[in-house]
């Protein structure tokens, strides 16, 4: 499917809106990825390049399951015809009784602007609250070995029940240099919003000219760079997982957590402001371009293993 040029930047209530619309038209037709998650079913979702993770491994509970029953397309109760991507994770306190959710889109993304509208939650939809659960939107490349110098990752990670040695509810914005998983040793730059961010938020990641920027609801909250700047193409990911050592005691009643995503986009090689992101999303919706991908594959093409 080919992206369209957007026209008709009139009728805006503010000059900012009109300017944002005009600038949004400059998004190149060969460098736009957008998904509004209005697919007819999960087969159509997969046909648009998404991988529903089934592979075991990091992150989360060793021995936990990934796969069937953890991802769904659900109706938006407020906007007729709209849909959300829903990730669902559950646990009874055992590895065998734990399921975690992840979806990944092709490993071909590098510089430019990334954005998603995501609903975080502070409490489970079923069962007792208190497990250390992690809700995310992130970009990542494979970790080939300990302290891999080409490892690249840029994250938004929400921990409503704290964790990792700190009980504080917080949202992380992280840019990674590299890491060793066992024993854990990480090299990165991190920003923390030490508060609840339950509810809907627009998350933006900008990767350009040796620096990464994290934007939360139109406010820039972090800038990273130097040795932490990505060096190889990454995949676009959402996942919902439980932190090892952070589960409540074993229970017959599963604790179930959900994370929703309304839309996600990437504009290759351009820094798009929060206003422009909003206008671009609305332009796609107004022209019924709900699933667009004109970002070329990496050369040579890179596998998207969806296992990290």
C-alpha atoms as a PDB file:
ATOM      1  CA  UNK A   1       0.000   0.000   0.000  1.00  0.00           C
ATOM      2  CA  UNK A   2       1.360   3.436  -0.918  1.00  0.00           C
ATOM      3  CA  UNK A   3       1.271   6.365   1.477  1.00  0.00           C
ATOM      4  CA  UNK A   4      -0.533   9.492   0.334  1.00  0.00           C
ATOM      5  CA  UNK A   5       0.507  13.106   0.375  1.00  0.00           C
ATOM      6  CA  UNK A   6      -1.803  14.982   2.719  1.00  0.00           C
ATOM      7  CA  UNK A   7      -3.641  18.014   1.355  1.00  0.00           C
ATOM      8  CA  UNK A   8      -6.233  20.487   2.545  1.00  0.00           C
ATOM      9  CA  UNK A   9      -4.477  22.099   5.533  1.00  0.00           C
ATOM     10  CA  UNK A  10      -7.292  24.588   6.148  1.00  0.00           C
ATOM     11  CA  UNK A  11      -9.964  25.037   8.763  1.00  0.00           C
ATOM     12  CA  UNK A  12      -7.673  24.608  11.761  1.00  0.00           C
ATOM     13  CA  UNK A  13      -8.620  26.469  14.940  1.00  0.00           C
ATOM     14  CA  UNK A  14      -5.034  27.578  15.536  1.00  0.00           C
ATOM     15  CA  UNK A  15      -1.973  28.623  13.599  1.00  0.00           C
ATOM     16  CA  UNK A  16      -0.045  25.796  15.289  1.00  0.00           C
ATOM     17  CA  UNK A  17      -2.477  23.267  13.860  1.00  0.00           C
ATOM     18  CA  UNK A  18      -2.232  24.706  10.359  1.00  0.00           C
ATOM     19  CA  UNK A  19       1.565  24.770  10.459  1.00  0.00           C
ATOM     20  CA  UNK A  20       1.697  21.220  11.819  1.00  0.00           C
ATOM     21  CA  UNK A  21      -0.574  20.025   9.020  1.00  0.00           C
ATOM     22  CA  UNK A  22       1.586  21.708   6.380  1.00  0.00           C
ATOM     23  CA  UNK A  23       4.738  20.156   7.812  1.00  0.00           C
ATOM     24  CA  UNK A  24       3.097  16.739   8.106  1.00  0.00           C
ATOM     25  CA  UNK A  25       2.629  16.757   4.352  1.00  0.00           C
ATOM     26  CA  UNK A  26       6.411  16.625   3.992  1.00  0.00           C
ATOM     27  CA  UNK A  27       6.532  13.064   5.381  1.00  0.00           C
ATOM     28  CA  UNK A  28       8.117  11.055   2.537  1.00  0.00           C
ATOM     29  CA  UNK A  29       5.933   8.425   0.843  1.00  0.00           C
ATOM     30  CA  UNK A  30       8.848   5.987   1.025  1.00  0.00           C
ATOM     31  CA  UNK A  31       9.435   6.434   4.742  1.00  0.00           C
ATOM     32  CA  UNK A  32       6.174   6.061   6.669  1.00  0.00           C
ATOM     33  CA  UNK A  33       4.966   3.239   8.893  1.00  0.00           C
ATOM     34  CA  UNK A  34       1.540   3.602  10.478  1.00  0.00           C
ATOM     35  CA  UNK A  35      -0.813   1.066  12.041  1.00  0.00           C
ATOM     36  CA  UNK A  36      -4.199   1.970  13.514  1.00  0.00           C
ATOM     37  CA  UNK A  37      -4.887  -1.692  14.390  1.00  0.00           C
ATOM     38  CA  UNK A  38      -8.162  -1.798  12.461  1.00  0.00           C
ATOM     39  CA  UNK A  39      -7.333  -5.223  11.032  1.00  0.00           C
ATOM     40  CA  UNK A  40     -10.152  -7.703  10.500  1.00  0.00           C
ATOM     41  CA  UNK A  41      -8.382 -10.357  12.566  1.00  0.00           C
ATOM     42  CA  UNK A  42      -4.961 -11.461  13.812  1.00  0.00           C
ATOM     43  CA  UNK A  43      -4.146 -13.035  10.440  1.00  0.00           C
ATOM     44  CA  UNK A  44      -4.527  -9.621   8.806  1.00  0.00           C
ATOM     45  CA  UNK A  45      -2.487  -8.145  11.651  1.00  0.00           C
ATOM     46  CA  UNK A  46       0.318 -10.615  10.861  1.00  0.00           C
ATOM     47  CA  UNK A  47       0.025  -9.876   7.142  1.00  0.00           C
ATOM     48  CA  UNK A  48       0.954  -6.267   7.937  1.00  0.00           C
ATOM     49  CA  UNK A  49       4.303  -7.500   9.231  1.00  0.00           C
ATOM     50  CA  UNK A  50       3.637  -8.056  12.923  1.00  0.00           C
ATOM     51  CA  UNK A  51       5.074 -11.088  14.715  1.00  0.00           C
ATOM     52  CA  UNK A  52       3.235 -12.460  17.750  1.00  0.00           C
ATOM     53  CA  UNK A  53       6.000 -13.768  19.967  1.00  0.00           C
ATOM     54  CA  UNK A  54       6.082 -17.456  20.832  1.00  0.00           C
ATOM     55  CA  UNK A  55       9.816 -17.868  21.536  1.00  0.00           C
ATOM     56  CA  UNK A  56      10.988 -18.493  25.090  1.00  0.00           C
ATOM     57  CA  UNK A  57      13.585 -16.330  26.746  1.00  0.00           C
ATOM     58  CA  UNK A  58      14.365 -12.854  28.050  1.00  0.00           C
ATOM     59  CA  UNK A  59      12.719 -10.781  29.466  1.00  0.00           C
ATOM     60  CA  UNK A  60      10.453 -12.046  32.203  1.00  0.00           C
ATOM     61  CA  UNK A  61       9.883 -15.225  34.157  1.00  0.00           C
ATOM     62  CA  UNK A  62      12.093 -18.143  33.054  1.00  0.00           C
ATOM     63  CA  UNK A  63       9.806 -20.915  31.798  1.00  0.00           C
ATOM     64  CA  UNK A  64       6.845 -18.585  31.201  1.00  0.00           C
ATOM     65  CA  UNK A  65       4.808 -19.004  28.029  1.00  0.00           C
ATOM     66  CA  UNK A  66       4.527 -16.506  25.161  1.00  0.00           C
ATOM     67  CA  UNK A  67       1.950 -16.859  22.421  1.00  0.00           C
ATOM     68  CA  UNK A  68      -1.708 -17.873  22.076  1.00  0.00           C
ATOM     69  CA  UNK A  69      -4.247 -15.889  24.061  1.00  0.00           C
ATOM     70  CA  UNK A  70      -1.917 -13.001  24.878  1.00  0.00           C
ATOM     71  CA  UNK A  71      -2.781 -10.638  21.999  1.00  0.00           C
ATOM     72  CA  UNK A  72      -6.169  -9.475  20.687  1.00  0.00           C
ATOM     73  CA  UNK A  73      -7.817  -6.737  18.622  1.00  0.00           C
ATOM     74  CA  UNK A  74     -10.623  -5.147  20.655  1.00  0.00           C
ATOM     75  CA  UNK A  75     -13.254  -2.519  19.886  1.00  0.00           C
ATOM     76  CA  UNK A  76     -12.797   1.031  21.135  1.00  0.00           C
ATOM     77  CA  UNK A  77     -15.825   1.743  23.352  1.00  0.00           C
ATOM     78  CA  UNK A  78     -15.574   5.492  22.664  1.00  0.00           C
ATOM     79  CA  UNK A  79     -14.935   5.669  18.901  1.00  0.00           C
ATOM     80  CA  UNK A  80     -17.110   3.456  16.668  1.00  0.00           C
ATOM     81  CA  UNK A  81     -15.025   1.515  14.149  1.00  0.00           C
ATOM     82  CA  UNK A  82     -11.770   2.077  16.002  1.00  0.00           C
ATOM     83  CA  UNK A  83      -9.826  -0.822  17.532  1.00  0.00           C
ATOM     84  CA  UNK A  84      -7.046  -1.303  20.038  1.00  0.00           C
ATOM     85  CA  UNK A  85      -4.237  -3.806  20.107  1.00  0.00           C
ATOM     86  CA  UNK A  86      -4.484  -5.468  23.519  1.00  0.00           C
ATOM     87  CA  UNK A  87      -1.627  -7.288  25.239  1.00  0.00           C
ATOM     88  CA  UNK A  88      -2.605  -9.595  28.100  1.00  0.00           C
ATOM     89  CA  UNK A  89      -0.317 -11.235  30.659  1.00  0.00           C
ATOM     90  CA  UNK A  90      -1.308 -13.439  33.582  1.00  0.00           C
ATOM     91  CA  UNK A  91       0.291 -15.371  36.415  1.00  0.00           C
ATOM     92  CA  UNK A  92      -0.598 -17.619  39.319  1.00  0.00           C
ATOM     93  CA  UNK A  93       2.854 -17.149  40.813  1.00  0.00           C
ATOM     94  CA  UNK A  94       4.454 -20.121  39.048  1.00  0.00           C
ATOM     95  CA  UNK A  95       6.502 -20.214  35.855  1.00  0.00           C
ATOM     96  CA  UNK A  96       4.211 -22.816  34.310  1.00  0.00           C
ATOM     97  CA  UNK A  97       1.195 -20.682  35.176  1.00  0.00           C
ATOM     98  CA  UNK A  98       2.606 -17.458  33.720  1.00  0.00           C
ATOM     99  CA  UNK A  99       1.936 -16.062  30.246  1.00  0.00           C
ATOM    100  CA  UNK A 100       3.538 -12.928  28.820  1.00  0.00           C
ATOM    101  CA  UNK A 101       2.798 -10.944  25.648  1.00  0.00           C
ATOM    102  CA  UNK A 102       4.945  -9.372  22.933  1.00  0.00           C
ATOM    103  CA  UNK A 103       4.512  -8.211  19.346  1.00  0.00           C
ATOM    104  CA  UNK A 104       7.333  -7.092  17.051  1.00  0.00           C
ATOM    105  CA  UNK A 105       7.503  -5.355  13.703  1.00  0.00           C
ATOM    106  CA  UNK A 106      10.316  -5.852  11.182  1.00  0.00           C
ATOM    107  CA  UNK A 107      13.900  -5.062  12.125  1.00  0.00           C
ATOM    108  CA  UNK A 108      14.436  -2.219   9.647  1.00  0.00           C
ATOM    109  CA  UNK A 109      14.000   0.963  11.687  1.00  0.00           C
ATOM    110  CA  UNK A 110      16.750   3.372  12.638  1.00  0.00           C
ATOM    111  CA  UNK A 111      16.694   7.173  12.604  1.00  0.00           C
ATOM    112  CA  UNK A 112      13.532   9.230  12.665  1.00  0.00           C
ATOM    113  CA  UNK A 113      10.472   9.686  14.870  1.00  0.00           C
ATOM    114  CA  UNK A 114       8.504   6.932  16.587  1.00  0.00           C
ATOM    115  CA  UNK A 115       5.202   7.448  18.382  1.00  0.00           C
ATOM    116  CA  UNK A 116       2.424   5.404  19.916  1.00  0.00           C
ATOM    117  CA  UNK A 117      -0.730   6.030  21.919  1.00  0.00           C
ATOM    118  CA  UNK A 118      -0.637   3.566  24.799  1.00  0.00           C
ATOM    119  CA  UNK A 119      -2.855   2.826  27.786  1.00  0.00           C
ATOM    120  CA  UNK A 120      -0.928   1.866  30.913  1.00  0.00           C
ATOM    121  CA  UNK A 121      -2.613   0.420  33.998  1.00  0.00           C
ATOM    122  CA  UNK A 122      -1.805   0.382  37.711  1.00  0.00           C
ATOM    123  CA  UNK A 123      -3.948  -2.601  38.654  1.00  0.00           C
ATOM    124  CA  UNK A 124      -4.783  -6.008  37.207  1.00  0.00           C
ATOM    125  CA  UNK A 125      -8.151  -6.571  35.539  1.00  0.00           C
ATOM    126  CA  UNK A 126      -8.477  -9.748  37.628  1.00  0.00           C
ATOM    127  CA  UNK A 127      -6.856 -11.050  40.799  1.00  0.00           C
ATOM    128  CA  UNK A 128      -4.762  -9.442  43.507  1.00  0.00           C
ATOM    129  CA  UNK A 129      -2.575  -6.437  42.733  1.00  0.00           C
ATOM    130  CA  UNK A 130       1.136  -6.409  43.520  1.00  0.00           C
ATOM    131  CA  UNK A 131       3.136  -8.381  40.957  1.00  0.00           C
ATOM    132  CA  UNK A 132       6.098  -6.558  39.438  1.00  0.00           C
ATOM    133  CA  UNK A 133       4.743  -6.108  35.925  1.00  0.00           C
ATOM    134  CA  UNK A 134       6.435  -4.171  33.105  1.00  0.00           C
ATOM    135  CA  UNK A 135       4.457  -2.430  30.328  1.00  0.00           C
ATOM    136  CA  UNK A 136       6.460  -1.232  27.331  1.00  0.00           C
ATOM    137  CA  UNK A 137       6.919   0.423  23.937  1.00  0.00           C
ATOM    138  CA  UNK A 138      10.468   0.058  22.617  1.00  0.00           C
ATOM    139  CA  UNK A 139      12.964  -0.373  19.783  1.00  0.00           C
ATOM    140  CA  UNK A 140      15.601  -3.113  19.944  1.00  0.00           C
ATOM    141  CA  UNK A 141      18.220  -5.100  18.054  1.00  0.00           C
ATOM    142  CA  UNK A 142      19.433  -8.601  19.014  1.00  0.00           C
ATOM    143  CA  UNK A 143      21.920  -9.029  21.848  1.00  0.00           C
ATOM    144  CA  UNK A 144      24.384 -11.423  20.193  1.00  0.00           C
ATOM    145  CA  UNK A 145      26.539 -11.914  23.284  1.00  0.00           C
ATOM    146  CA  UNK A 146      27.424 -10.260  26.589  1.00  0.00           C
ATOM    147  CA  UNK A 147      28.294  -6.584  26.116  1.00  0.00           C
ATOM    148  CA  UNK A 148      27.585  -6.762  22.394  1.00  0.00           C
ATOM    149  CA  UNK A 149      28.975  -3.434  21.020  1.00  0.00           C
ATOM    150  CA  UNK A 150      26.307  -3.279  18.299  1.00  0.00           C
ATOM    151  CA  UNK A 151      23.380  -3.753  20.684  1.00  0.00           C
ATOM    152  CA  UNK A 152      20.836  -0.933  20.279  1.00  0.00           C
ATOM    153  CA  UNK A 153      17.692  -0.283  22.320  1.00  0.00           C
ATOM    154  CA  UNK A 154      15.473   2.707  23.135  1.00  0.00           C
ATOM    155  CA  UNK A 155      12.631   2.152  25.624  1.00  0.00           C
ATOM    156  CA  UNK A 156       9.564   3.358  27.391  1.00  0.00           C
ATOM    157  CA  UNK A 157       8.965   1.025  30.376  1.00  0.00           C
ATOM    158  CA  UNK A 158       6.255   1.456  33.019  1.00  0.00           C
ATOM    159  CA  UNK A 159       6.489  -0.290  36.411  1.00  0.00           C
ATOM    160  CA  UNK A 160       3.223   0.440  38.275  1.00  0.00           C
ATOM    161  CA  UNK A 161       4.183  -1.781  41.213  1.00  0.00           C
ATOM    162  CA  UNK A 162       7.827  -0.777  41.338  1.00  0.00           C
ATOM    163  CA  UNK A 163      10.522  -3.403  41.095  1.00  0.00           C
ATOM    164  CA  UNK A 164      14.231  -3.907  40.472  1.00  0.00           C
ATOM    165  CA  UNK A 165      15.027  -3.032  44.081  1.00  0.00           C
ATOM    166  CA  UNK A 166      12.824   0.057  44.186  1.00  0.00           C
ATOM    167  CA  UNK A 167       9.134   0.014  45.220  1.00  0.00           C
ATOM    168  CA  UNK A 168       8.375   3.364  43.509  1.00  0.00           C
ATOM    169  CA  UNK A 169       5.789   3.514  40.733  1.00  0.00           C
ATOM    170  CA  UNK A 170       7.664   4.957  37.753  1.00  0.00           C
ATOM    171  CA  UNK A 171       7.955   5.318  34.000  1.00  0.00           C
ATOM    172  CA  UNK A 172      11.409   4.840  32.518  1.00  0.00           C
ATOM    173  CA  UNK A 173      12.779   6.439  29.353  1.00  0.00           C
ATOM    174  CA  UNK A 174      15.979   4.532  28.542  1.00  0.00           C
ATOM    175  CA  UNK A 175      18.626   4.541  25.805  1.00  0.00           C
ATOM    176  CA  UNK A 176      20.989   1.584  25.916  1.00  0.00           C
ATOM    177  CA  UNK A 177      24.645   1.146  25.045  1.00  0.00           C
ATOM    178  CA  UNK A 178      24.957  -2.550  25.924  1.00  0.00           C
ATOM    179  CA  UNK A 179      24.217  -5.131  28.624  1.00  0.00           C
ATOM    180  CA  UNK A 180      25.136  -8.477  30.177  1.00  0.00           C
ATOM    181  CA  UNK A 181      22.101 -10.441  31.344  1.00  0.00           C
ATOM    182  CA  UNK A 182      23.743 -12.870  33.806  1.00  0.00           C
ATOM    183  CA  UNK A 183      25.023 -11.575  36.130  1.00  0.00           C
ATOM    184  CA  UNK A 184      23.201  -8.361  35.295  1.00  0.00           C
ATOM    185  CA  UNK A 185      25.323  -5.370  34.290  1.00  0.00           C
ATOM    186  CA  UNK A 186      23.820  -2.603  32.155  1.00  0.00           C
ATOM    187  CA  UNK A 187      25.265   0.449  30.441  1.00  0.00           C
ATOM    188  CA  UNK A 188      22.600   3.011  29.560  1.00  0.00           C
ATOM    189  CA  UNK A 189      21.087   6.417  30.242  1.00  0.00           C
ATOM    190  CA  UNK A 190      17.736   6.508  32.004  1.00  0.00           C
ATOM    191  CA  UNK A 191      15.083   9.050  32.917  1.00  0.00           C
ATOM    192  CA  UNK A 192      12.426   8.325  35.551  1.00  0.00           C
ATOM    193  CA  UNK A 193       8.942   9.815  35.916  1.00  0.00           C
ATOM    194  CA  UNK A 194       8.287   8.839  39.532  1.00  0.00           C
ATOM    195  CA  UNK A 195       4.509   8.863  39.501  1.00  0.00           C
ATOM    196  CA  UNK A 196       1.522   6.962  38.206  1.00  0.00           C
ATOM    197  CA  UNK A 197       0.904   7.278  34.484  1.00  0.00           C
ATOM    198  CA  UNK A 198      -2.148   5.027  34.412  1.00  0.00           C
ATOM    199  CA  UNK A 199      -4.376   5.818  31.441  1.00  0.00           C
ATOM    200  CA  UNK A 200      -3.787   6.896  27.855  1.00  0.00           C
ATOM    201  CA  UNK A 201      -0.555   8.632  26.840  1.00  0.00           C
ATOM    202  CA  UNK A 202       1.207   9.625  23.643  1.00  0.00           C
ATOM    203  CA  UNK A 203       4.782   8.340  23.781  1.00  0.00           C
ATOM    204  CA  UNK A 204       7.374   9.647  21.319  1.00  0.00           C
ATOM    205  CA  UNK A 205      10.937   8.463  20.692  1.00  0.00           C
ATOM    206  CA  UNK A 206      13.164  10.553  18.441  1.00  0.00           C
ATOM    207  CA  UNK A 207      16.437   9.119  17.103  1.00  0.00           C
ATOM    208  CA  UNK A 208      18.537  11.524  15.060  1.00  0.00           C
ATOM    209  CA  UNK A 209      21.977  13.150  14.814  1.00  0.00           C
ATOM    210  CA  UNK A 210      23.583  11.275  17.686  1.00  0.00           C
ATOM    211  CA  UNK A 211      20.886  11.872  20.279  1.00  0.00           C
ATOM    212  CA  UNK A 212      17.646  10.280  21.381  1.00  0.00           C
ATOM    213  CA  UNK A 213      14.744  12.217  22.853  1.00  0.00           C
ATOM    214  CA  UNK A 214      11.815  10.943  24.916  1.00  0.00           C
ATOM    215  CA  UNK A 215       8.537  12.875  24.798  1.00  0.00           C
ATOM    216  CA  UNK A 216       5.564  12.212  27.084  1.00  0.00           C
ATOM    217  CA  UNK A 217       2.239  13.835  26.121  1.00  0.00           C
ATOM    218  CA  UNK A 218       3.953  16.617  24.197  1.00  0.00           C
ATOM    219  CA  UNK A 219       6.640  17.342  26.807  1.00  0.00           C
ATOM    220  CA  UNK A 220      10.269  16.420  26.221  1.00  0.00           C
ATOM    221  CA  UNK A 221      11.430  14.694  29.390  1.00  0.00           C
ATOM    222  CA  UNK A 222      14.818  13.248  28.403  1.00  0.00           C
ATOM    223  CA  UNK A 223      17.687  13.542  25.948  1.00  0.00           C
ATOM    224  CA  UNK A 224      20.421  10.906  25.671  1.00  0.00           C
ATOM    225  CA  UNK A 225      23.345  10.293  23.359  1.00  0.00           C
ATOM    226  CA  UNK A 226      27.043   9.619  23.131  1.00  0.00           C
ATOM    227  CA  UNK A 227      27.972   5.947  23.474  1.00  0.00           C
ATOM    228  CA  UNK A 228      24.319   5.054  24.117  1.00  0.00           C
ATOM    229  CA  UNK A 229      23.145   6.129  20.662  1.00  0.00           C
ATOM    230  CA  UNK A 230      21.790   3.254  18.497  1.00  0.00           C
ATOM    231  CA  UNK A 231      24.172   1.905  15.858  1.00  0.00           C
ATOM    232  CA  UNK A 232      22.138  -0.710  13.951  1.00  0.00           C
ATOM    233  CA  UNK A 233      18.528  -1.101  12.685  1.00  0.00           C
ATOM    234  CA  UNK A 234      15.967  -2.095  15.296  1.00  0.00           C
ATOM    235  CA  UNK A 235      12.496  -3.623  15.435  1.00  0.00           C
ATOM    236  CA  UNK A 236       9.412  -1.882  16.869  1.00  0.00           C
ATOM    237  CA  UNK A 237       8.006  -3.717  19.902  1.00  0.00           C
ATOM    238  CA  UNK A 238       5.348  -3.748  22.584  1.00  0.00           C
ATOM    239  CA  UNK A 239       5.488  -6.228  25.437  1.00  0.00           C
ATOM    240  CA  UNK A 240       3.928  -6.956  28.812  1.00  0.00           C
ATOM    241  CA  UNK A 241       5.916  -9.116  31.209  1.00  0.00           C
ATOM    242  CA  UNK A 242       6.640  -9.969  34.838  1.00  0.00           C
ATOM    243  CA  UNK A 243       9.990  -9.339  36.495  1.00  0.00           C
ATOM    244  CA  UNK A 244      11.817 -12.362  37.989  1.00  0.00           C
ATOM    245  CA  UNK A 245      11.654 -12.283  41.770  1.00  0.00           C
ATOM    246  CA  UNK A 246       8.718  -9.915  41.692  1.00  0.00           C
ATOM    247  CA  UNK A 247       5.748 -12.287  41.695  1.00  0.00           C
ATOM    248  CA  UNK A 248       3.285 -12.533  44.559  1.00  0.00           C
ATOM    249  CA  UNK A 249       2.934 -15.938  46.260  1.00  0.00           C
ATOM    250  CA  UNK A 250       1.355 -18.809  44.351  1.00  0.00           C
ATOM    251  CA  UNK A 251      -2.420 -18.551  44.138  1.00  0.00           C
ATOM    252  CA  UNK A 252      -5.258 -20.502  42.549  1.00  0.00           C
ATOM    253  CA  UNK A 253      -6.559 -17.222  41.114  1.00  0.00           C
ATOM    254  CA  UNK A 254      -4.582 -15.784  38.201  1.00  0.00           C
ATOM    255  CA  UNK A 255      -3.618 -12.129  38.247  1.00  0.00           C
ATOM    256  CA  UNK A 256      -4.326 -10.667  34.801  1.00  0.00           C
ATOM    257  CA  UNK A 257      -2.850  -7.433  33.436  1.00  0.00           C
ATOM    258  CA  UNK A 258      -3.671  -5.653  30.163  1.00  0.00           C
ATOM    259  CA  UNK A 259      -2.000  -2.971  28.049  1.00  0.00           C
ATOM    260  CA  UNK A 260      -3.740  -1.335  25.068  1.00  0.00           C
ATOM    261  CA  UNK A 261      -2.238   0.392  22.015  1.00  0.00           C
ATOM    262  CA  UNK A 262      -4.409   2.682  19.878  1.00  0.00           C
ATOM    263  CA  UNK A 263      -1.907   3.378  17.076  1.00  0.00           C
ATOM    264  CA  UNK A 264       1.807   3.397  16.278  1.00  0.00           C
ATOM    265  CA  UNK A 265       3.828   5.269  13.661  1.00  0.00           C
ATOM    266  CA  UNK A 266       7.336   5.902  12.408  1.00  0.00           C
ATOM    267  CA  UNK A 267       8.545   8.634  10.073  1.00  0.00           C
ATOM    268  CA  UNK A 268      11.959   7.721   8.691  1.00  0.00           C
ATOM    269  CA  UNK A 269      14.855  10.164   9.089  1.00  0.00           C
ATOM    270  CA  UNK A 270      12.682  13.093  10.228  1.00  0.00           C
ATOM    271  CA  UNK A 271      12.102  14.702  13.607  1.00  0.00           C
ATOM    272  CA  UNK A 272       8.331  15.192  13.852  1.00  0.00           C
ATOM    273  CA  UNK A 273       6.966  17.335  16.688  1.00  0.00           C
ATOM    274  CA  UNK A 274       4.136  16.151  18.953  1.00  0.00           C
ATOM    275  CA  UNK A 275       1.731  18.498  17.116  1.00  0.00           C
ATOM    276  CA  UNK A 276       2.814  17.044  13.792  1.00  0.00           C
ATOM    277  CA  UNK A 277       2.372  13.513  15.111  1.00  0.00           C
ATOM    278  CA  UNK A 278      -1.223  14.301  16.079  1.00  0.00           C
ATOM    279  CA  UNK A 279      -1.973  15.835  12.691  1.00  0.00           C
ATOM    280  CA  UNK A 280      -0.327  12.975  10.823  1.00  0.00           C
ATOM    281  CA  UNK A 281      -2.355  10.370  12.714  1.00  0.00           C
ATOM    282  CA  UNK A 282      -5.577  12.295  12.069  1.00  0.00           C
ATOM    283  CA  UNK A 283      -4.647  12.668   8.392  1.00  0.00           C
ATOM    284  CA  UNK A 284      -4.170   8.928   8.084  1.00  0.00           C
ATOM    285  CA  UNK A 285      -7.522   8.317   9.736  1.00  0.00           C
ATOM    286  CA  UNK A 286      -9.338  10.945   7.682  1.00  0.00           C
ATOM    287  CA  UNK A 287      -8.061   9.374   4.460  1.00  0.00           C
ATOM    288  CA  UNK A 288      -8.698   5.859   5.806  1.00  0.00           C
ATOM    289  CA  UNK A 289      -5.058   4.876   5.442  1.00  0.00           C
ATOM    290  CA  UNK A 290      -5.155   2.624   8.503  1.00  0.00           C
ATOM    291  CA  UNK A 291      -2.212   0.342   7.673  1.00  0.00           C
ATOM    292  CA  UNK A 292       0.709   1.839   5.738  1.00  0.00           C
ATOM    293  CA  UNK A 293       4.288   0.609   5.479  1.00  0.00           C
ATOM    294  CA  UNK A 294       6.610   2.243   2.966  1.00  0.00           C
ATOM    295  CA  UNK A 295       9.788   1.861   5.017  1.00  0.00           C
ATOM    296  CA  UNK A 296      12.186  -0.219   2.926  1.00  0.00           C
ATOM    297  CA  UNK A 297      13.748  -3.337   4.398  1.00  0.00           C
ATOM    298  CA  UNK A 298      17.301  -3.111   5.652  1.00  0.00           C
ATOM    299  CA  UNK A 299      19.996  -3.969   3.105  1.00  0.00           C
ATOM    300  CA  UNK A 300      20.684  -6.807   3.433  1.00  0.00           C
ATOM    301  CA  UNK A 301      17.347  -7.740   4.988  1.00  0.00           C
ATOM    302  CA  UNK A 302      17.563  -8.569   8.691  1.00  0.00           C
ATOM    303  CA  UNK A 303      15.569 -11.328  10.403  1.00  0.00           C
ATOM    304  CA  UNK A 304      12.935 -10.314  12.952  1.00  0.00           C
ATOM    305  CA  UNK A 305      13.168 -13.082  15.541  1.00  0.00           C
ATOM    306  CA  UNK A 306      10.900 -11.474  18.165  1.00  0.00           C
ATOM    307  CA  UNK A 307      12.665 -13.104  21.083  1.00  0.00           C
ATOM    308  CA  UNK A 308      14.077 -10.221  23.131  1.00  0.00           C
END
